């Protein structure tokens, strides 16, 4: 027991002795100078260390600034803005949205359009964050350059202006004007946006383009003499001298401005069947009396067959009638019926109608080839009125023609700017928008509405006694749609208030480029919404394709 106590006491005394020795040694130690040096060194090295942290932060923020500026410049380039102020407004908003760094300080930004009109340059400056003393310039700058991704756009707007649109013409005009406003851009370089207008009803009115489209019509040839020729045995013949009259035996002719009579019969403004005598002379069947009066200097012989200014035909009511030519056109027939071949290769169809009070008049507004002139387009749209039946297949064909390079020489007479670009021109989109409110019911035979035209296409008195040369209008339109899309043209279809008409719905679905390109508005408000949606979609195509 005593031994254990003594051992503990010995250990405690030894521990005290060691502690005492350590304490005395500490009093003599001069190594505290190292702490002083460390403290002084820390004061000198800390800013440098913090500066390294700031450099890291600045490097990180510079990368983030560059990413945000790249995004903002791309956003500005894809916008519709064409002025530096407009680009800055859009670009800076996008930049600030993407710079989600709470400690940084925004200084400035700028976005400008290059001299080439397709390059957008963005610059930005920020104050970088830091944790050390501000002993260096923390201003960070970045720049970015984007080539605008855009396309030329050519749009043919094919509008149904038939009689059934009577109660919705105001909505149609409003919708079409909205589309023109949205699609045509103020800046037309280096990329342009143009719209062509193709109103249709019983046909398509081409106005001053008529001769080039359907071929010049044969007018009256001058008459220089009318005389009675003896055939012997008291038989007589009335001969008419008219150089290069172009008539053949059995043709009908209208004598105009004659001033002479045969026997007791005036022959002025009368029709006769002729017998050919020579290239410069023909005789009038059924006349043999003496000739009296004085032939007028403006007397003429007007042919009355296809290709002439007037056309004598048997209508579907079995009556012989004479129709006048119009400035409207009908279907093209033959091997080029469903192609976009130029009219110099194959003319389109003529359109004849009764001279007075036709039941189904060609009264639609004229076409307008591609133009960027919004004011002119809107003026033409504002003048659209409703009339007549629905030859949608003709309207569709002319929508194609207006964006087809094959028709360049044809429309160049209006303006060089109206000439469509080649199909393979880079960064160029072509679009046809077909709008209708009902069945296509008006096919043609020899330039006159065919006898098998559908309900609503007039009456038998205005129809010719022969069936449609190209067949049923929906089938014609379907073939045209296939060929249009095969050329890379985008096709939108708008079936307005067509209800349960299966044929119209099928055509709208089959003709469009894809289901997303089909619109079936049921009323005027929805029609305007559909046209705005198409315009916005075209604008998306313009900057994405």
Protein backbone atom coordinates (compact mmCIF):
# COMPACT_ATOMS: atom_id res chain seq x y z
CA UNK A 1 0.00 0.00 0.00
CA UNK A 2 2.76 2.42 1.03
CA UNK A 3 4.67 1.46 -2.03
CA UNK A 4 1.80 2.49 -4.32
CA UNK A 5 1.44 5.90 -2.60
CA UNK A 6 5.09 6.64 -2.89
CA UNK A 7 5.00 5.87 -6.60
CA UNK A 8 2.12 8.32 -7.25
CA UNK A 9 3.85 11.05 -5.32
CA UNK A 10 6.96 10.45 -7.34
CA UNK A 11 5.10 10.79 -10.62
CA UNK A 12 3.37 14.04 -9.54
CA UNK A 13 6.60 15.62 -8.45
CA UNK A 14 8.23 14.65 -11.70
CA UNK A 15 5.33 16.19 -13.65
CA UNK A 16 5.63 19.44 -11.70
CA UNK A 17 9.32 19.59 -12.34
CA UNK A 18 8.85 19.20 -16.07
CA UNK A 19 6.12 21.84 -16.16
CA UNK A 20 8.29 24.25 -14.26
CA UNK A 21 11.18 23.64 -16.66
CA UNK A 22 8.93 24.24 -19.68
CA UNK A 23 7.63 27.45 -18.15
CA UNK A 24 11.10 28.81 -17.56
CA UNK A 25 12.13 27.85 -21.08
CA UNK A 26 9.11 29.69 -22.46
CA UNK A 27 10.18 32.85 -20.70
CA UNK A 28 13.52 32.69 -22.41
CA UNK A 29 12.11 31.79 -25.95
CA UNK A 30 12.55 34.48 -28.73
CA UNK A 31 10.59 32.63 -31.42
CA UNK A 32 7.51 34.97 -31.01
CA UNK A 33 9.02 37.13 -33.77
CA UNK A 34 7.74 34.53 -36.29
CA UNK A 35 4.17 35.32 -35.29
CA UNK A 36 4.81 38.98 -35.85
CA UNK A 37 6.28 38.27 -39.24
CA UNK A 38 3.32 36.03 -40.10
CA UNK A 39 0.85 38.73 -39.14
CA UNK A 40 2.63 41.31 -41.19
CA UNK A 41 2.89 38.91 -44.14
CA UNK A 42 -0.82 38.13 -43.91
CA UNK A 43 -1.64 41.80 -44.21
CA UNK A 44 0.44 42.01 -47.36
CA UNK A 45 -0.57 38.70 -48.98
CA UNK A 46 -4.35 38.78 -48.27
CA UNK A 47 -5.20 41.34 -50.98
CA UNK A 48 -3.26 39.28 -53.48
CA UNK A 49 -5.11 36.15 -52.43
CA UNK A 50 -8.46 37.92 -52.61
CA UNK A 51 -7.44 39.32 -55.98
CA UNK A 52 -6.92 35.80 -57.24
CA UNK A 53 -10.46 35.00 -56.15
CA UNK A 54 -11.72 38.11 -57.96
CA UNK A 55 -9.84 37.06 -61.09
CA UNK A 56 -11.58 33.71 -60.92
CA UNK A 57 -14.95 35.40 -60.43
CA UNK A 58 -14.30 37.81 -63.29
CA UNK A 59 -13.31 34.96 -65.61
CA UNK A 60 -16.48 33.10 -64.74
CA UNK A 61 -18.65 36.18 -65.16
CA UNK A 62 -17.01 37.05 -68.46
CA UNK A 63 -17.97 33.65 -69.82
CA UNK A 64 -21.51 34.08 -68.54
CA UNK A 65 -21.69 37.57 -70.07
CA UNK A 66 -20.52 36.23 -73.42
CA UNK A 67 -23.11 33.45 -73.37
CA UNK A 68 -25.88 35.89 -72.47
CA UNK A 69 -24.79 38.35 -75.15
CA UNK A 70 -24.59 35.62 -77.81
CA UNK A 71 -28.16 34.62 -76.95
CA UNK A 72 -29.39 38.23 -76.93
CA UNK A 73 -27.72 39.04 -80.27
CA UNK A 74 -29.27 35.95 -81.85
CA UNK A 75 -32.64 36.97 -80.44
CA UNK A 76 -32.29 40.48 -81.88
CA UNK A 77 -31.22 39.06 -85.25
CA UNK A 78 -34.27 36.82 -85.40
CA UNK A 79 -36.61 39.70 -84.59
CA UNK A 80 -38.38 41.87 -87.17
CA UNK A 81 -36.50 44.98 -86.08
CA UNK A 82 -34.62 46.81 -88.83
CA UNK A 83 -33.33 49.88 -86.96
CA UNK A 84 -30.51 50.08 -84.42
CA UNK A 85 -32.91 51.46 -81.83
CA UNK A 86 -35.31 48.57 -82.39
CA UNK A 87 -32.53 46.00 -82.23
CA UNK A 88 -31.21 47.54 -79.00
CA UNK A 89 -34.64 47.43 -77.40
CA UNK A 90 -35.07 43.74 -78.17
CA UNK A 91 -31.47 42.73 -77.59
CA UNK A 92 -31.01 44.51 -74.25
CA UNK A 93 -34.22 43.06 -72.86
CA UNK A 94 -33.03 39.56 -73.76
CA UNK A 95 -29.57 40.27 -72.33
CA UNK A 96 -30.89 41.42 -68.96
CA UNK A 97 -33.21 38.43 -68.79
CA UNK A 98 -30.30 36.04 -69.30
CA UNK A 99 -27.86 37.84 -66.96
CA UNK A 100 -29.24 36.36 -63.72
CA UNK A 101 -26.21 37.24 -61.58
CA UNK A 102 -27.24 39.23 -58.47
CA UNK A 103 -23.84 40.67 -57.67
CA UNK A 104 -22.97 42.10 -61.01
CA UNK A 105 -23.69 45.61 -62.14
CA UNK A 106 -25.00 46.25 -65.67
CA UNK A 107 -23.25 49.15 -67.40
CA UNK A 108 -24.40 49.28 -71.04
CA UNK A 109 -25.22 47.36 -74.21
CA UNK A 110 -25.67 48.09 -77.89
CA UNK A 111 -27.02 46.20 -80.89
CA UNK A 112 -26.51 47.36 -84.46
CA UNK A 113 -27.34 46.25 -87.98
CA UNK A 114 -24.34 45.99 -90.29
CA UNK A 115 -23.97 47.76 -93.59
CA UNK A 116 -24.78 44.48 -95.37
CA UNK A 117 -28.23 44.51 -93.66
CA UNK A 118 -27.85 40.89 -92.55
CA UNK A 119 -25.20 41.11 -89.81
CA UNK A 120 -26.26 42.06 -86.27
CA UNK A 121 -23.51 43.03 -83.81
CA UNK A 122 -24.05 43.12 -80.06
CA UNK A 123 -21.79 44.59 -77.37
CA UNK A 124 -22.21 44.69 -73.60
CA UNK A 125 -20.36 45.99 -70.54
CA UNK A 126 -20.83 44.97 -66.90
CA UNK A 127 -19.11 45.64 -63.57
CA UNK A 128 -17.71 42.31 -62.34
CA UNK A 129 -18.39 41.23 -58.74
CA UNK A 130 -15.49 40.99 -56.26
CA UNK A 131 -14.62 40.34 -52.58
CA UNK A 132 -11.27 42.11 -52.35
CA UNK A 133 -10.47 45.81 -52.31
CA UNK A 134 -11.18 47.53 -55.61
CA UNK A 135 -7.62 48.13 -56.67
CA UNK A 136 -8.12 47.09 -60.34
CA UNK A 137 -10.66 47.79 -63.13
CA UNK A 138 -13.47 45.23 -62.90
CA UNK A 139 -15.18 46.36 -66.10
CA UNK A 140 -15.97 43.36 -68.33
CA UNK A 141 -16.79 43.73 -72.02
CA UNK A 142 -18.07 41.29 -74.62
CA UNK A 143 -19.11 41.39 -78.25
CA UNK A 144 -21.05 39.06 -80.52
CA UNK A 145 -21.92 38.94 -84.22
CA UNK A 146 -24.78 37.02 -85.82
CA UNK A 147 -25.67 36.57 -89.48
CA UNK A 148 -29.41 36.94 -89.80
CA UNK A 149 -30.98 33.67 -90.85
CA UNK A 150 -33.76 34.73 -93.19
CA UNK A 151 -35.39 33.97 -96.51
CA UNK A 152 -37.04 35.70 -99.42
CA UNK A 153 -40.77 35.00 -99.35
CA UNK A 154 -43.21 34.96 -102.27
CA UNK A 155 -46.86 34.46 -101.33
CA UNK A 156 -49.85 34.02 -103.66
CA UNK A 157 -53.11 34.81 -101.86
CA UNK A 158 -55.96 33.01 -103.68
CA UNK A 159 -59.31 34.34 -102.49
CA UNK A 160 -62.84 33.09 -103.08
CA UNK A 161 -64.99 36.10 -104.06
CA UNK A 162 -68.02 34.16 -105.22
CA UNK A 163 -71.63 35.08 -104.54
CA UNK A 164 -71.84 32.81 -101.51
CA UNK A 165 -69.29 35.07 -99.77
CA UNK A 166 -71.74 37.98 -99.82
CA UNK A 167 -72.27 38.16 -96.06
CA UNK A 168 -68.58 37.67 -95.24
CA UNK A 169 -66.74 39.90 -97.70
CA UNK A 170 -65.97 42.44 -94.99
CA UNK A 171 -64.36 39.71 -92.88
CA UNK A 172 -62.43 38.42 -95.88
CA UNK A 173 -61.13 41.89 -96.73
CA UNK A 174 -60.08 42.45 -93.12
CA UNK A 175 -58.37 39.06 -92.89
CA UNK A 176 -56.50 39.54 -96.16
CA UNK A 177 -55.35 43.01 -95.14
CA UNK A 178 -54.06 41.65 -91.83
CA UNK A 179 -52.04 39.01 -93.64
CA UNK A 180 -50.51 41.56 -95.99
CA UNK A 181 -49.58 43.77 -93.04
CA UNK A 182 -47.92 40.94 -91.15
CA UNK A 183 -46.13 39.24 -94.04
CA UNK A 184 -44.70 42.16 -96.02
CA UNK A 185 -41.76 43.71 -94.19
CA UNK A 186 -40.72 47.34 -94.43
CA UNK A 187 -37.12 46.31 -95.06
CA UNK A 188 -36.88 44.62 -98.46
CA UNK A 189 -33.12 44.15 -98.55
CA UNK A 190 -31.22 41.91 -98.45
CA UNK A 191 -34.31 39.67 -98.14
CA UNK A 192 -37.68 40.54 -99.65
CA UNK A 193 -41.26 39.59 -98.85
CA UNK A 194 -43.90 39.93 -101.55
CA UNK A 195 -47.55 39.00 -101.99
CA UNK A 196 -49.58 38.35 -105.14
CA UNK A 197 -53.38 38.62 -105.12
CA UNK A 198 -55.57 36.18 -107.06
CA UNK A 199 -59.31 36.76 -106.55
CA UNK A 200 -61.47 34.17 -108.31
CA UNK A 201 -65.11 33.38 -108.94
CA UNK A 202 -66.48 32.08 -112.25
CA UNK A 203 -62.93 32.47 -113.54
CA UNK A 204 -59.87 34.63 -112.94
CA UNK A 205 -59.81 38.16 -114.29
CA UNK A 206 -56.43 39.00 -115.79
CA UNK A 207 -57.26 42.36 -117.38
CA UNK A 208 -54.45 43.73 -119.51
CA UNK A 209 -52.63 40.40 -119.29
CA UNK A 210 -55.45 38.65 -121.17
CA UNK A 211 -53.91 38.52 -124.64
CA UNK A 212 -50.61 37.21 -123.31
CA UNK A 213 -52.37 34.59 -121.18
CA UNK A 214 -55.03 33.20 -123.54
CA UNK A 215 -53.73 34.48 -126.85
CA UNK A 216 -54.89 37.49 -128.83
CA UNK A 217 -58.46 37.20 -130.08
CA UNK A 218 -59.33 37.61 -133.74
CA UNK A 219 -61.19 40.81 -134.42
CA UNK A 220 -63.16 41.96 -137.44
CA UNK A 221 -61.50 42.15 -140.84
CA UNK A 222 -62.25 45.20 -143.00
CA UNK A 223 -64.94 44.85 -145.69
CA UNK A 224 -64.16 46.72 -148.87
CA UNK A 225 -67.02 45.57 -151.12
CA UNK A 226 -70.43 43.88 -151.08
CA UNK A 227 -71.74 42.87 -154.49
CA UNK A 228 -74.23 40.60 -156.17
CA UNK A 229 -72.67 37.99 -158.44
CA UNK A 230 -74.71 36.25 -161.13
CA UNK A 231 -74.64 32.46 -161.19
CA UNK A 232 -76.83 32.21 -164.30
CA UNK A 233 -80.42 31.09 -164.66
CA UNK A 234 -81.44 34.08 -162.57
CA UNK A 235 -79.47 32.83 -159.60
CA UNK A 236 -77.43 35.29 -157.60
CA UNK A 237 -74.86 35.24 -154.87
CA UNK A 238 -73.88 37.97 -152.42
CA UNK A 239 -70.12 38.21 -152.24
CA UNK A 240 -68.20 40.09 -149.57
CA UNK A 241 -64.63 41.19 -150.15
CA UNK A 242 -62.55 41.15 -146.96
CA UNK A 243 -58.80 40.59 -147.23
CA UNK A 244 -57.52 37.55 -145.26
CA UNK A 245 -60.90 37.00 -143.65
CA UNK A 246 -59.88 33.60 -142.22
CA UNK A 247 -63.35 32.10 -142.62
CA UNK A 248 -64.13 28.65 -143.93
CA UNK A 249 -67.32 27.24 -145.39
CA UNK A 250 -69.93 26.76 -142.68
CA UNK A 251 -68.53 29.41 -140.36
CA UNK A 252 -70.78 32.10 -139.01
CA UNK A 253 -69.91 35.78 -139.41
CA UNK A 254 -71.26 38.99 -137.92
CA UNK A 255 -71.41 41.93 -140.33
CA UNK A 256 -70.77 45.20 -138.54
CA UNK A 257 -71.22 48.86 -139.55
CA UNK A 258 -72.36 47.92 -143.05
CA UNK A 259 -74.50 50.79 -144.32
CA UNK A 260 -75.89 48.59 -147.13
CA UNK A 261 -78.90 46.33 -147.63
CA UNK A 262 -79.58 43.25 -149.75
CA UNK A 263 -83.01 43.44 -151.24
CA UNK A 264 -85.30 44.62 -148.51
CA UNK A 265 -83.05 43.23 -145.79
CA UNK A 266 -80.58 45.29 -143.84
CA UNK A 267 -77.47 43.23 -143.24
CA UNK A 268 -76.04 45.53 -140.59
CA UNK A 269 -75.18 43.76 -137.31
CA UNK A 270 -76.60 40.49 -138.64
CA UNK A 271 -75.11 36.99 -138.51
CA UNK A 272 -74.79 34.72 -141.56
CA UNK A 273 -73.35 31.37 -142.49
CA UNK A 274 -70.66 31.78 -145.12
CA UNK A 275 -69.26 29.86 -148.05
CA UNK A 276 -65.59 30.31 -148.73
CA UNK A 277 -64.73 31.66 -152.17
CA UNK A 278 -61.13 32.82 -151.83
CA UNK A 279 -58.89 33.89 -148.97
CA UNK A 280 -60.14 37.43 -149.57
CA UNK A 281 -63.78 36.75 -150.44
CA UNK A 282 -66.72 34.84 -148.99
CA UNK A 283 -70.40 34.66 -149.82
CA UNK A 284 -73.41 34.99 -147.55
CA UNK A 285 -75.71 31.98 -147.58
CA UNK A 286 -79.42 32.66 -148.04
CA UNK A 287 -79.15 36.11 -149.63
CA UNK A 288 -79.58 36.96 -153.29
CA UNK A 289 -81.27 40.40 -153.68
CA UNK A 290 -79.78 43.51 -155.11
CA UNK A 291 -77.33 45.51 -153.03
CA UNK A 292 -78.28 49.07 -152.13
CA UNK A 293 -76.85 51.80 -149.94
CA UNK A 294 -73.30 52.94 -149.36
CA UNK A 295 -70.75 50.71 -147.68
CA UNK A 296 -69.27 52.42 -144.64
CA UNK A 297 -65.51 52.79 -144.36
CA UNK A 298 -65.51 51.03 -140.97
CA UNK A 299 -67.52 48.01 -142.14
CA UNK A 300 -66.14 44.73 -140.82
CA UNK A 301 -66.61 40.97 -140.80
CA UNK A 302 -66.33 39.50 -137.30
CA UNK A 303 -65.70 35.77 -137.09
CA UNK A 304 -67.82 33.88 -134.57
CA UNK A 305 -65.79 30.83 -133.57
CA UNK A 306 -63.38 29.90 -130.80
CA UNK A 307 -60.51 32.31 -130.72
CA UNK A 308 -62.56 35.20 -132.08
CA UNK A 309 -63.78 38.14 -130.07
CA UNK A 310 -67.29 36.77 -130.33
CA UNK A 311 -68.37 33.14 -130.28
CA UNK A 312 -71.55 31.68 -131.82
CA UNK A 313 -72.50 28.42 -130.09
CA UNK A 314 -75.32 26.14 -129.15
CA UNK A 315 -76.11 26.49 -125.48
CA UNK A 316 -77.31 23.77 -123.13
CA UNK A 317 -80.88 24.86 -123.86
CA UNK A 318 -80.32 23.98 -127.56
CA UNK A 319 -80.46 27.60 -128.67
CA UNK A 320 -77.99 29.29 -131.00
CA UNK A 321 -76.45 32.17 -129.06
CA UNK A 322 -73.50 34.50 -129.46
CA UNK A 323 -71.26 35.22 -126.49
CA UNK A 324 -68.65 37.93 -126.04
CA UNK A 325 -65.08 37.39 -124.93
CA UNK A 326 -64.06 38.70 -121.51
CA UNK A 327 -60.88 39.68 -119.70
CA UNK A 328 -61.31 36.57 -117.57
CA UNK A 329 -59.72 33.21 -118.30
CA UNK A 330 -60.74 29.61 -117.79
CA UNK A 331 -58.91 26.29 -117.50
CA UNK A 332 -55.89 25.34 -119.55
CA UNK A 333 -56.42 22.15 -121.54
CA UNK A 334 -54.07 19.69 -123.17
CA UNK A 335 -50.71 18.38 -122.02
CA UNK A 336 -49.91 21.44 -119.91
CA UNK A 337 -53.28 21.56 -118.15
CA UNK A 338 -51.77 20.87 -114.72
CA UNK A 339 -48.29 22.35 -115.10
CA UNK A 340 -46.89 25.83 -114.66
CA UNK A 341 -45.66 26.03 -118.25
CA UNK A 342 -45.45 29.59 -119.50
CA UNK A 343 -48.35 30.88 -121.61
CA UNK A 344 -45.90 31.15 -124.50
CA UNK A 345 -45.78 27.34 -124.37
CA UNK A 346 -49.51 26.78 -123.88
CA UNK A 347 -52.21 29.41 -123.53
CA UNK A 348 -54.79 29.18 -120.78
CA UNK A 349 -58.48 28.93 -121.63
CA UNK A 350 -60.62 31.78 -122.90
CA UNK A 351 -63.85 32.74 -121.18
CA UNK A 352 -66.98 33.70 -123.14
CA UNK A 353 -70.23 34.96 -121.68
CA UNK A 354 -73.52 36.42 -122.90
CA UNK A 355 -72.99 39.99 -124.08
CA UNK A 356 -75.68 41.45 -121.83
CA UNK A 357 -76.94 40.52 -118.36
CA UNK A 358 -75.13 37.18 -117.93
CA UNK A 359 -76.46 35.14 -115.04
CA UNK A 360 -72.95 34.30 -113.89
CA UNK A 361 -70.77 37.30 -114.79
CA UNK A 362 -67.02 37.51 -114.68
CA UNK A 363 -66.96 40.42 -112.27
CA UNK A 364 -64.14 39.57 -109.86
CA UNK A 365 -61.24 41.95 -109.30
CA UNK A 366 -58.10 41.58 -111.41
CA UNK A 367 -55.07 39.65 -110.31
CA UNK A 368 -52.09 41.53 -108.90
CA UNK A 369 -48.66 39.93 -109.47
CA UNK A 370 -46.06 39.80 -106.70
CA UNK A 371 -45.44 43.14 -105.05
CA UNK A 372 -44.11 44.52 -101.79
CA UNK A 373 -46.40 47.54 -102.08
CA UNK A 374 -48.78 47.14 -99.16
CA UNK A 375 -50.84 50.19 -100.09
CA UNK A 376 -51.63 48.92 -103.59
CA UNK A 377 -52.47 45.45 -102.33
CA UNK A 378 -54.77 46.79 -99.67
CA UNK A 379 -56.44 49.11 -102.14
CA UNK A 380 -57.19 46.12 -104.39
CA UNK A 381 -58.34 44.03 -101.44
CA UNK A 382 -60.64 46.78 -100.21
CA UNK A 383 -62.31 46.79 -103.63
CA UNK A 384 -63.14 43.07 -103.62
CA UNK A 385 -66.82 42.27 -104.14
CA UNK A 386 -68.77 39.03 -104.38
CA UNK A 387 -70.32 37.55 -107.54
CA UNK A 388 -70.83 34.39 -109.53
CA UNK A 389 -69.95 30.73 -109.08
CA UNK A 390 -66.83 28.88 -107.94
CA UNK A 391 -64.04 27.90 -110.32
CA UNK A 392 -61.53 27.23 -107.55
CA UNK A 393 -59.36 25.05 -109.78
CA UNK A 394 -58.67 28.11 -111.96
CA UNK A 395 -57.87 30.29 -108.95
CA UNK A 396 -55.49 27.63 -107.63
CA UNK A 397 -53.68 27.38 -110.97
CA UNK A 398 -53.19 31.14 -111.07
CA UNK A 399 -51.90 31.16 -107.51
CA UNK A 400 -49.19 28.79 -108.73
CA UNK A 401 -48.49 30.87 -111.82
CA UNK A 402 -47.90 33.99 -109.70
CA UNK A 403 -44.97 32.34 -107.85
CA UNK A 404 -43.69 30.26 -110.78
CA UNK A 405 -40.47 31.41 -112.47
CA UNK A 406 -41.91 30.09 -115.74
CA UNK A 407 -44.33 33.01 -115.69
CA UNK A 408 -41.61 35.60 -115.19
CA UNK A 409 -41.81 37.07 -118.72
CA UNK A 410 -45.59 37.24 -118.40
CA UNK A 411 -45.64 39.30 -115.17
CA UNK A 412 -42.54 41.33 -116.04
CA UNK A 413 -44.76 43.66 -118.05
CA UNK A 414 -46.27 44.76 -114.74
CA UNK A 415 -42.94 45.25 -113.00
CA UNK A 416 -39.52 43.65 -112.89
CA UNK A 417 -40.09 43.25 -109.14
CA UNK A 418 -43.07 41.00 -109.89
CA UNK A 419 -40.92 38.31 -111.50
CA UNK A 420 -40.79 35.20 -109.28
CA UNK A 421 -37.41 33.81 -108.29
CA UNK A 422 -36.16 30.47 -109.65
CA UNK A 423 -37.33 27.44 -107.71
CA UNK A 424 -33.78 26.58 -106.69
CA UNK A 425 -32.78 30.05 -105.51
CA UNK A 426 -31.16 29.72 -102.06
CA UNK A 427 -33.02 31.17 -99.10
CA UNK A 428 -36.27 31.62 -101.01
CA UNK A 429 -39.68 30.31 -99.98
CA UNK A 430 -42.77 30.13 -102.19
CA UNK A 431 -46.25 29.90 -100.68
CA UNK A 432 -49.77 29.49 -102.09
CA UNK A 433 -52.74 30.15 -99.79
CA UNK A 434 -55.99 28.70 -101.19
CA UNK A 435 -59.18 29.98 -99.56
CA UNK A 436 -62.69 28.80 -100.47
CA UNK A 437 -66.11 28.73 -98.89
CA UNK A 438 -67.62 25.87 -100.82
CA UNK A 439 -67.73 23.40 -103.67
CA UNK A 440 -65.83 23.93 -106.91
CA UNK A 441 -68.73 23.81 -109.37
CA UNK A 442 -67.63 25.55 -112.58
CA UNK A 443 -65.70 23.58 -115.22
CA UNK A 444 -65.38 24.62 -118.88
CA UNK A 445 -65.69 23.39 -122.43
CA UNK A 446 -64.35 25.54 -125.29
CA UNK A 447 -64.15 28.60 -123.07
CA UNK A 448 -67.77 28.42 -121.90
CA UNK A 449 -69.20 26.90 -118.71
CA UNK A 450 -69.75 23.22 -119.45
CA UNK A 451 -73.16 21.60 -119.54
CA UNK A 452 -72.23 19.33 -116.61
CA UNK A 453 -71.31 22.23 -114.31
CA UNK A 454 -72.55 21.86 -110.74
CA UNK A 455 -75.49 23.46 -109.01
CA UNK A 456 -74.98 27.16 -108.48
CA UNK A 457 -72.96 27.77 -111.65
CA UNK A 458 -75.60 29.73 -113.52
CA UNK A 459 -78.18 28.19 -115.83
CA UNK A 460 -78.40 26.30 -119.10
CA UNK A 461 -78.69 29.49 -121.14
CA UNK A 462 -75.14 30.45 -120.12
CA UNK A 463 -73.69 26.96 -120.59
CA UNK A 464 -72.40 25.37 -123.78
CA UNK A 465 -73.77 22.08 -125.00
CA UNK A 466 -70.67 20.01 -124.25
CA UNK A 467 -69.22 18.45 -121.12
CA UNK A 468 -66.14 19.67 -119.24
CA UNK A 469 -62.94 19.09 -121.20
CA UNK A 470 -60.81 18.55 -118.09
CA UNK A 471 -63.50 16.83 -116.09
CA UNK A 472 -64.65 17.47 -112.55
CA UNK A 473 -63.17 20.58 -110.85
CA UNK A 474 -62.14 18.87 -107.61
CA UNK A 475 -60.12 16.31 -109.52
CA UNK A 476 -58.45 19.13 -111.45
CA UNK A 477 -57.59 20.95 -108.23
CA UNK A 478 -56.22 17.79 -106.67
CA UNK A 479 -53.81 17.24 -109.56
CA UNK A 480 -52.72 20.87 -109.46
CA UNK A 481 -52.04 20.61 -105.72
CA UNK A 482 -49.82 17.57 -106.23
CA UNK A 483 -47.78 19.31 -108.88
CA UNK A 484 -47.50 22.55 -106.93
CA UNK A 485 -46.12 20.77 -103.87
CA UNK A 486 -43.76 18.74 -106.05
CA UNK A 487 -42.05 22.03 -106.92
CA UNK A 488 -41.36 22.73 -103.25
CA UNK A 489 -44.11 25.31 -102.86
CA UNK A 490 -45.78 25.44 -99.45
CA UNK A 491 -49.58 25.22 -99.66
CA UNK A 492 -51.97 26.49 -96.98
CA UNK A 493 -55.68 25.79 -97.32
CA UNK A 494 -58.56 27.66 -95.69
CA UNK A 495 -61.97 26.01 -95.89
CA UNK A 496 -64.32 28.72 -94.68
CA UNK A 497 -67.64 27.67 -93.19
CA UNK A 498 -67.78 24.54 -95.35
CA UNK A 499 -69.84 22.61 -92.83
CA UNK A 500 -70.11 18.93 -93.67
CA UNK A 501 -69.10 19.21 -97.34
CA UNK A 502 -66.91 16.12 -97.57
CA UNK A 503 -65.40 16.99 -100.96
CA UNK A 504 -64.25 20.41 -99.84
CA UNK A 505 -62.84 19.06 -96.59
CA UNK A 506 -60.95 16.34 -98.41
CA UNK A 507 -59.47 18.80 -100.88
CA UNK A 508 -58.40 21.14 -98.08
CA UNK A 509 -56.72 18.25 -96.29
CA UNK A 510 -55.10 16.65 -99.34
CA UNK A 511 -53.95 19.88 -100.94
CA UNK A 512 -52.16 21.39 -97.93
CA UNK A 513 -48.48 20.75 -97.32
CA UNK A 514 -49.31 18.98 -94.05
CA UNK A 515 -52.19 18.87 -91.53
CA UNK A 516 -50.70 21.90 -89.74
CA UNK A 517 -51.27 23.90 -92.92
CA UNK A 518 -55.05 23.30 -92.94
CA UNK A 519 -57.48 25.83 -91.44
CA UNK A 520 -61.25 25.34 -91.21
CA UNK A 521 -62.75 28.55 -89.74
CA UNK A 522 -66.49 28.47 -89.19
CA UNK A 523 -67.21 32.20 -89.04
CA UNK A 524 -65.80 35.60 -89.88
CA UNK A 525 -63.93 36.01 -86.61
CA UNK A 526 -62.25 32.64 -87.00
CA UNK A 527 -61.39 33.50 -90.60
CA UNK A 528 -59.41 36.52 -89.44
CA UNK A 529 -57.71 34.44 -86.75
CA UNK A 530 -56.77 31.82 -89.35
CA UNK A 531 -55.21 34.38 -91.69
CA UNK A 532 -53.21 35.91 -88.84
CA UNK A 533 -52.00 32.46 -87.83
CA UNK A 534 -50.91 31.73 -91.39
CA UNK A 535 -49.07 35.05 -91.56
CA UNK A 536 -47.24 34.27 -88.31
CA UNK A 537 -46.38 30.81 -89.55
CA UNK A 538 -45.00 32.23 -92.79
CA UNK A 539 -42.85 34.60 -90.74
CA UNK A 540 -41.56 31.64 -88.75
CA UNK A 541 -40.69 29.82 -91.96
CA UNK A 542 -38.94 32.94 -93.17
CA UNK A 543 -36.41 32.84 -90.33
CA UNK A 544 -36.16 29.11 -89.68
CA UNK A 545 -36.05 27.23 -92.97
